[in-house]
């Protein structure tokens, strides 16, 4: 973390780290997430605008703590990042460990919310992906 905001994280994700489909999320405790809005976080469509977004995904037992969480738009989390995480999961189902890095990209100054996350994944046989997912409220196809 730098200036109270997370930078990113890296991990070797093993097949045993993959949570079973439908497993409970690890989001019970109240965790301070840098830049997360106080008050109303619901858009006109009735859905959250922002999520407490994992750098190392919850589906891989990424920890529910400030160093691994950032303020990401709901759509960034559920379209752009999810597609990349699903590609990692397919490798794990094939019993292939994956080295993963998620590095947050901030604009100039002391922005509280990152502009993007650069997600990189390497199974043993080479690069799986190296994608930048924008922190925007539009659907995006990344991986």
C-alpha atoms as a PDB file:
ATOM      1  CA  UNK A   1       0.000   0.000   0.000  1.00  0.00           C
ATOM      2  CA  UNK A   2       1.120   3.523  -0.717  1.00  0.00           C
ATOM      3  CA  UNK A   3      -0.531   6.651   0.718  1.00  0.00           C
ATOM      4  CA  UNK A   4      -3.273   4.455   2.192  1.00  0.00           C
ATOM      5  CA  UNK A   5      -4.281   2.977  -1.140  1.00  0.00           C
ATOM      6  CA  UNK A   6      -3.437  -0.484  -2.501  1.00  0.00           C
ATOM      7  CA  UNK A   7      -0.899  -0.862  -5.337  1.00  0.00           C
ATOM      8  CA  UNK A   8      -1.530  -4.407  -6.442  1.00  0.00           C
ATOM      9  CA  UNK A   9      -0.780  -7.991  -5.563  1.00  0.00           C
ATOM     10  CA  UNK A  10       0.799 -11.115  -6.995  1.00  0.00           C
ATOM     11  CA  UNK A  11       0.336 -14.780  -6.145  1.00  0.00           C
ATOM     12  CA  UNK A  12       0.932 -18.293  -7.318  1.00  0.00           C
ATOM     13  CA  UNK A  13      -2.620 -19.617  -7.507  1.00  0.00           C
ATOM     14  CA  UNK A  14      -2.825 -23.390  -7.194  1.00  0.00           C
ATOM     15  CA  UNK A  15      -5.735 -25.688  -8.114  1.00  0.00           C
ATOM     16  CA  UNK A  16      -6.470 -26.163  -4.399  1.00  0.00           C
ATOM     17  CA  UNK A  17      -7.010 -22.378  -4.079  1.00  0.00           C
ATOM     18  CA  UNK A  18     -10.085 -22.474  -6.328  1.00  0.00           C
ATOM     19  CA  UNK A  19     -13.316 -22.228  -4.344  1.00  0.00           C
ATOM     20  CA  UNK A  20     -16.109 -24.602  -5.345  1.00  0.00           C
ATOM     21  CA  UNK A  21     -18.868 -23.088  -7.492  1.00  0.00           C
ATOM     22  CA  UNK A  22     -21.456 -21.469  -5.238  1.00  0.00           C
ATOM     23  CA  UNK A  23     -19.103 -21.207  -2.232  1.00  0.00           C
ATOM     24  CA  UNK A  24     -19.815 -18.420   0.236  1.00  0.00           C
ATOM     25  CA  UNK A  25     -17.994 -15.120  -0.253  1.00  0.00           C
ATOM     26  CA  UNK A  26     -15.522 -13.999   2.407  1.00  0.00           C
ATOM     27  CA  UNK A  27     -17.089 -10.570   2.895  1.00  0.00           C
ATOM     28  CA  UNK A  28     -18.602 -10.799   6.342  1.00  0.00           C
ATOM     29  CA  UNK A  29     -16.344  -8.336   8.154  1.00  0.00           C
ATOM     30  CA  UNK A  30     -16.391  -4.581   7.623  1.00  0.00           C
ATOM     31  CA  UNK A  31     -13.193  -3.648   5.786  1.00  0.00           C
ATOM     32  CA  UNK A  32     -12.068  -0.122   4.985  1.00  0.00           C
ATOM     33  CA  UNK A  33     -11.623   0.172   1.217  1.00  0.00           C
ATOM     34  CA  UNK A  34      -9.764   3.274   0.086  1.00  0.00           C
ATOM     35  CA  UNK A  35     -12.043   5.608  -1.907  1.00  0.00           C
ATOM     36  CA  UNK A  36     -15.230   3.606  -1.372  1.00  0.00           C
ATOM     37  CA  UNK A  37     -18.171   6.044  -1.280  1.00  0.00           C
ATOM     38  CA  UNK A  38     -20.116   6.576   1.908  1.00  0.00           C
ATOM     39  CA  UNK A  39     -23.883   6.711   1.688  1.00  0.00           C
ATOM     40  CA  UNK A  40     -25.929   5.844  -1.384  1.00  0.00           C
ATOM     41  CA  UNK A  41     -24.071   3.554  -3.786  1.00  0.00           C
ATOM     42  CA  UNK A  42     -27.094   2.526  -5.876  1.00  0.00           C
ATOM     43  CA  UNK A  43     -27.487   3.652  -9.492  1.00  0.00           C
ATOM     44  CA  UNK A  44     -30.679   4.458 -11.391  1.00  0.00           C
ATOM     45  CA  UNK A  45     -30.890   0.804 -12.444  1.00  0.00           C
ATOM     46  CA  UNK A  46     -31.099  -0.302  -8.789  1.00  0.00           C
ATOM     47  CA  UNK A  47     -27.656  -1.943  -8.865  1.00  0.00           C
ATOM     48  CA  UNK A  48     -24.498  -0.917  -7.002  1.00  0.00           C
ATOM     49  CA  UNK A  49     -22.289   1.621  -8.745  1.00  0.00           C
ATOM     50  CA  UNK A  50     -19.108   0.480  -6.969  1.00  0.00           C
ATOM     51  CA  UNK A  51     -17.917  -2.802  -5.503  1.00  0.00           C
ATOM     52  CA  UNK A  52     -15.272  -3.596  -2.957  1.00  0.00           C
ATOM     53  CA  UNK A  53     -13.204  -5.301  -5.672  1.00  0.00           C
ATOM     54  CA  UNK A  54     -10.554  -7.960  -5.029  1.00  0.00           C
ATOM     55  CA  UNK A  55      -7.147  -7.680  -6.689  1.00  0.00           C
ATOM     56  CA  UNK A  56      -6.637 -11.413  -6.138  1.00  0.00           C
ATOM     57  CA  UNK A  57     -10.153 -12.731  -6.662  1.00  0.00           C
ATOM     58  CA  UNK A  58     -12.376 -14.096  -3.930  1.00  0.00           C
ATOM     59  CA  UNK A  59     -12.850 -17.250  -6.023  1.00  0.00           C
ATOM     60  CA  UNK A  60      -9.135 -17.938  -5.451  1.00  0.00           C
ATOM     61  CA  UNK A  61      -9.374 -17.219  -1.706  1.00  0.00           C
ATOM     62  CA  UNK A  62      -8.056 -13.662  -2.210  1.00  0.00           C
ATOM     63  CA  UNK A  63      -8.139 -12.080   1.214  1.00  0.00           C
ATOM     64  CA  UNK A  64     -10.887  -9.719   2.367  1.00  0.00           C
ATOM     65  CA  UNK A  65      -8.541  -6.969   3.609  1.00  0.00           C
ATOM     66  CA  UNK A  66      -7.640  -3.409   2.637  1.00  0.00           C
ATOM     67  CA  UNK A  67      -4.409  -4.388   0.856  1.00  0.00           C
ATOM     68  CA  UNK A  68      -6.320  -6.682  -1.524  1.00  0.00           C
ATOM     69  CA  UNK A  69      -9.434  -4.545  -2.083  1.00  0.00           C
ATOM     70  CA  UNK A  70     -10.034  -1.430  -4.139  1.00  0.00           C
ATOM     71  CA  UNK A  71     -12.994   0.651  -5.282  1.00  0.00           C
ATOM     72  CA  UNK A  72     -14.018  -0.697  -8.662  1.00  0.00           C
ATOM     73  CA  UNK A  73     -17.161  -0.120 -10.674  1.00  0.00           C
ATOM     74  CA  UNK A  74     -19.707  -2.911 -10.580  1.00  0.00           C
ATOM     75  CA  UNK A  75     -19.324  -3.465 -14.309  1.00  0.00           C
ATOM     76  CA  UNK A  76     -15.514  -3.512 -14.186  1.00  0.00           C
ATOM     77  CA  UNK A  77     -15.716  -6.239 -11.583  1.00  0.00           C
ATOM     78  CA  UNK A  78     -18.469  -8.276 -13.238  1.00  0.00           C
ATOM     79  CA  UNK A  79     -17.527  -8.000 -16.899  1.00  0.00           C
ATOM     80  CA  UNK A  80     -13.870  -7.148 -17.451  1.00  0.00           C
ATOM     81  CA  UNK A  81     -12.200  -8.742 -14.442  1.00  0.00           C
ATOM     82  CA  UNK A  82     -14.552 -11.720 -14.222  1.00  0.00           C
ATOM     83  CA  UNK A  83     -13.694 -12.843 -17.760  1.00  0.00           C
ATOM     84  CA  UNK A  84      -9.993 -12.906 -16.912  1.00  0.00           C
ATOM     85  CA  UNK A  85     -10.621 -14.691 -13.616  1.00  0.00           C
ATOM     86  CA  UNK A  86     -12.660 -17.321 -15.468  1.00  0.00           C
ATOM     87  CA  UNK A  87      -9.671 -17.995 -17.737  1.00  0.00           C
ATOM     88  CA  UNK A  88      -7.509 -18.544 -14.648  1.00  0.00           C
ATOM     89  CA  UNK A  89     -10.154 -20.871 -13.205  1.00  0.00           C
ATOM     90  CA  UNK A  90     -10.121 -23.008 -16.378  1.00  0.00           C
ATOM     91  CA  UNK A  91      -6.363 -23.482 -15.960  1.00  0.00           C
ATOM     92  CA  UNK A  92      -6.853 -24.487 -12.335  1.00  0.00           C
ATOM     93  CA  UNK A  93      -9.587 -26.978 -13.269  1.00  0.00           C
ATOM     94  CA  UNK A  94      -7.001 -28.497 -15.655  1.00  0.00           C
ATOM     95  CA  UNK A  95      -4.694 -28.850 -12.640  1.00  0.00           C
ATOM     96  CA  UNK A  96      -2.340 -26.103 -13.857  1.00  0.00           C
ATOM     97  CA  UNK A  97      -1.092 -23.541 -11.288  1.00  0.00           C
ATOM     98  CA  UNK A  98      -1.088 -19.914 -12.470  1.00  0.00           C
ATOM     99  CA  UNK A  99       1.212 -17.055 -11.469  1.00  0.00           C
ATOM    100  CA  UNK A 100      -1.063 -14.006 -11.335  1.00  0.00           C
ATOM    101  CA  UNK A 101      -0.317 -10.308 -10.937  1.00  0.00           C
ATOM    102  CA  UNK A 102      -2.867  -7.516 -10.585  1.00  0.00           C
ATOM    103  CA  UNK A 103      -1.372  -4.009 -10.599  1.00  0.00           C
ATOM    104  CA  UNK A 104      -3.597  -0.971 -10.043  1.00  0.00           C
ATOM    105  CA  UNK A 105      -3.183   2.028 -12.344  1.00  0.00           C
ATOM    106  CA  UNK A 106      -3.830   5.444 -10.811  1.00  0.00           C
ATOM    107  CA  UNK A 107      -3.973   8.803 -12.573  1.00  0.00           C
ATOM    108  CA  UNK A 108      -1.788  11.752 -11.696  1.00  0.00           C
ATOM    109  CA  UNK A 109      -2.140  13.083  -8.182  1.00  0.00           C
ATOM    110  CA  UNK A 110      -3.763  11.453  -5.200  1.00  0.00           C
ATOM    111  CA  UNK A 111      -6.678   9.704  -6.893  1.00  0.00           C
ATOM    112  CA  UNK A 112      -8.577   7.508  -4.458  1.00  0.00           C
ATOM    113  CA  UNK A 113     -10.001   5.265  -7.140  1.00  0.00           C
ATOM    114  CA  UNK A 114      -7.744   3.578  -9.712  1.00  0.00           C
ATOM    115  CA  UNK A 115      -8.310   4.134 -13.432  1.00  0.00           C
ATOM    116  CA  UNK A 116      -7.638   0.487 -14.265  1.00  0.00           C
ATOM    117  CA  UNK A 117      -6.044  -2.778 -13.217  1.00  0.00           C
ATOM    118  CA  UNK A 118      -3.419  -4.566 -15.272  1.00  0.00           C
ATOM    119  CA  UNK A 119      -4.027  -8.285 -14.928  1.00  0.00           C
ATOM    120  CA  UNK A 120      -1.331 -10.743 -16.010  1.00  0.00           C
ATOM    121  CA  UNK A 121      -1.468 -14.538 -15.774  1.00  0.00           C
ATOM    122  CA  UNK A 122       1.150 -17.168 -16.534  1.00  0.00           C
ATOM    123  CA  UNK A 123       0.485 -20.894 -16.294  1.00  0.00           C
ATOM    124  CA  UNK A 124       3.520 -23.167 -16.681  1.00  0.00           C
ATOM    125  CA  UNK A 125       3.267 -23.216 -20.485  1.00  0.00           C
ATOM    126  CA  UNK A 126       3.499 -19.429 -21.004  1.00  0.00           C
ATOM    127  CA  UNK A 127       1.470 -16.224 -21.042  1.00  0.00           C
ATOM    128  CA  UNK A 128      -2.283 -16.728 -20.640  1.00  0.00           C
ATOM    129  CA  UNK A 129      -3.129 -13.009 -20.781  1.00  0.00           C
ATOM    130  CA  UNK A 130      -1.813  -9.528 -20.101  1.00  0.00           C
ATOM    131  CA  UNK A 131      -4.836  -7.208 -20.093  1.00  0.00           C
ATOM    132  CA  UNK A 132      -5.720  -3.805 -18.732  1.00  0.00           C
ATOM    133  CA  UNK A 133      -9.272  -3.580 -17.423  1.00  0.00           C
ATOM    134  CA  UNK A 134     -10.622  -0.036 -17.244  1.00  0.00           C
ATOM    135  CA  UNK A 135     -12.447   1.106 -14.104  1.00  0.00           C
ATOM    136  CA  UNK A 136     -15.512   2.333 -16.010  1.00  0.00           C
ATOM    137  CA  UNK A 137     -19.254   1.717 -15.784  1.00  0.00           C
ATOM    138  CA  UNK A 138     -19.570   0.274 -19.311  1.00  0.00           C
ATOM    139  CA  UNK A 139     -19.477  -3.440 -20.130  1.00  0.00           C
ATOM    140  CA  UNK A 140     -16.093  -4.435 -21.448  1.00  0.00           C
ATOM    141  CA  UNK A 141     -14.683  -7.511 -23.097  1.00  0.00           C
ATOM    142  CA  UNK A 142     -11.113  -8.077 -22.066  1.00  0.00           C
ATOM    143  CA  UNK A 143     -10.039 -11.713 -21.913  1.00  0.00           C
END
